[in-house]
Amino acid sequence: MSVADEIKARLEGAFSPTRLVVVDESDAHRGHAGHSGSGESHFRVAIAAPGFAPMSRVERHRAVHAALGADLTGRIHALALEISLE
């Protein structure tokens, strides 16, 4: 399973999002620090879920990182998050 697929599966399971887009931006970082050559090091995630409503911005980011887990986030060099309620 690709890292992008793992991200999608974990976030879908944790938040039942109304919108979820996972973009692998690794190719744009070829030759930069953190690019492992695997093609799966830099990601942008756009997620919307009603469950984020009572959370602050920091709490939302922490919740996403917790849902992904240390084992997965440890394999990712960069993770850009766009979190919304709808």
Protein backbone atom coordinates (compact mmCIF):
# COMPACT_ATOMS: atom_id res chain seq x y z
CA MET A 1 0.00 0.00 0.00
CA SER A 2 1.34 3.44 -0.88
CA VAL A 3 1.87 6.09 1.79
CA ALA A 4 -0.91 8.18 0.21
CA ASP A 5 -3.30 5.23 0.49
CA GLU A 6 -2.30 4.72 4.13
CA ILE A 7 -2.95 8.39 4.85
CA LYS A 8 -6.38 8.19 3.22
CA ALA A 9 -7.36 5.01 5.04
CA ARG A 10 -6.33 6.26 8.47
CA LEU A 11 -8.01 9.65 8.08
CA GLU A 12 -11.20 8.13 6.68
CA GLY A 13 -11.33 5.72 9.61
CA ALA A 14 -10.73 8.42 12.20
CA PHE A 15 -12.86 11.28 10.92
CA SER A 16 -15.35 10.08 8.25
CA PRO A 17 -14.48 13.21 6.27
CA THR A 18 -16.87 14.94 3.91
CA ARG A 19 -13.84 15.85 1.79
CA LEU A 20 -10.41 14.27 1.67
CA VAL A 21 -7.70 14.96 -0.88
CA VAL A 22 -4.17 13.58 -0.50
CA VAL A 23 -1.57 14.89 -2.93
CA ASP A 24 1.95 13.47 -3.17
CA GLU A 25 4.16 16.51 -3.82
CA SER A 26 7.42 14.59 -3.53
CA ASP A 27 8.51 15.12 -7.14
CA ALA A 28 8.48 18.88 -6.60
CA HIS A 29 11.08 18.38 -3.86
CA ARG A 30 13.50 16.16 -5.77
CA GLY A 31 17.03 17.07 -4.76
CA HIS A 32 15.93 18.90 -1.60
CA ALA A 33 16.53 17.82 1.97
CA GLY A 34 14.20 15.08 3.08
CA HIS A 35 13.51 13.70 -0.38
CA SER A 36 14.33 10.04 -0.02
CA GLY A 37 14.05 9.15 -3.69
CA SER A 38 11.10 6.87 -2.92
CA GLY A 39 8.65 9.42 -4.26
CA GLU A 40 6.69 9.33 -1.00
CA SER A 41 8.14 11.97 1.30
CA HIS A 42 6.12 15.19 0.89
CA PHE A 43 2.33 15.33 1.10
CA ARG A 44 -0.48 17.89 1.10
CA VAL A 45 -3.74 16.86 2.74
CA ALA A 46 -7.04 18.74 2.49
CA ILE A 47 -9.63 17.35 4.86
CA ALA A 48 -13.06 18.50 6.01
CA ALA A 49 -15.06 16.85 8.77
CA PRO A 50 -17.75 18.04 11.17
CA GLY A 51 -15.82 16.47 14.05
CA PHE A 52 -13.26 19.27 13.83
CA ALA A 53 -15.88 21.88 14.85
CA PRO A 54 -15.18 21.97 18.60
CA MET A 55 -11.40 21.93 18.12
CA SER A 56 -8.94 24.80 17.85
CA ARG A 57 -6.58 24.90 14.89
CA VAL A 58 -3.78 23.35 16.95
CA GLU A 59 -6.10 20.61 18.26
CA ARG A 60 -7.16 19.77 14.69
CA HIS A 61 -3.56 19.37 13.59
CA ARG A 62 -2.77 17.25 16.62
CA ALA A 63 -5.82 15.08 15.97
CA VAL A 64 -4.73 14.47 12.36
CA HIS A 65 -1.19 13.58 13.44
CA ALA A 66 -2.56 11.25 16.14
CA ALA A 67 -4.83 9.54 13.61
CA LEU A 68 -1.92 9.01 11.24
CA GLY A 69 0.24 7.59 14.02
CA ALA A 70 3.93 7.89 14.74
CA ASP A 71 4.80 4.96 12.49
CA LEU A 72 3.36 6.71 9.43
CA THR A 73 4.37 10.30 10.22
CA GLY A 74 7.89 9.04 10.87
CA ARG A 75 8.12 8.03 7.20
CA ILE A 76 6.96 11.42 5.93
CA HIS A 77 9.35 14.36 5.68
CA ALA A 78 6.72 17.07 5.10
CA LEU A 79 2.97 17.14 5.67
CA ALA A 80 0.97 20.25 4.74
CA LEU A 81 -2.52 20.28 6.25
CA GLU A 82 -5.58 22.20 5.12
CA ILE A 83 -8.29 21.41 7.66
CA SER A 84 -11.84 22.70 7.46
CA LEU A 85 -15.25 21.94 8.91
CA GLU A 86 -17.09 21.47 5.60
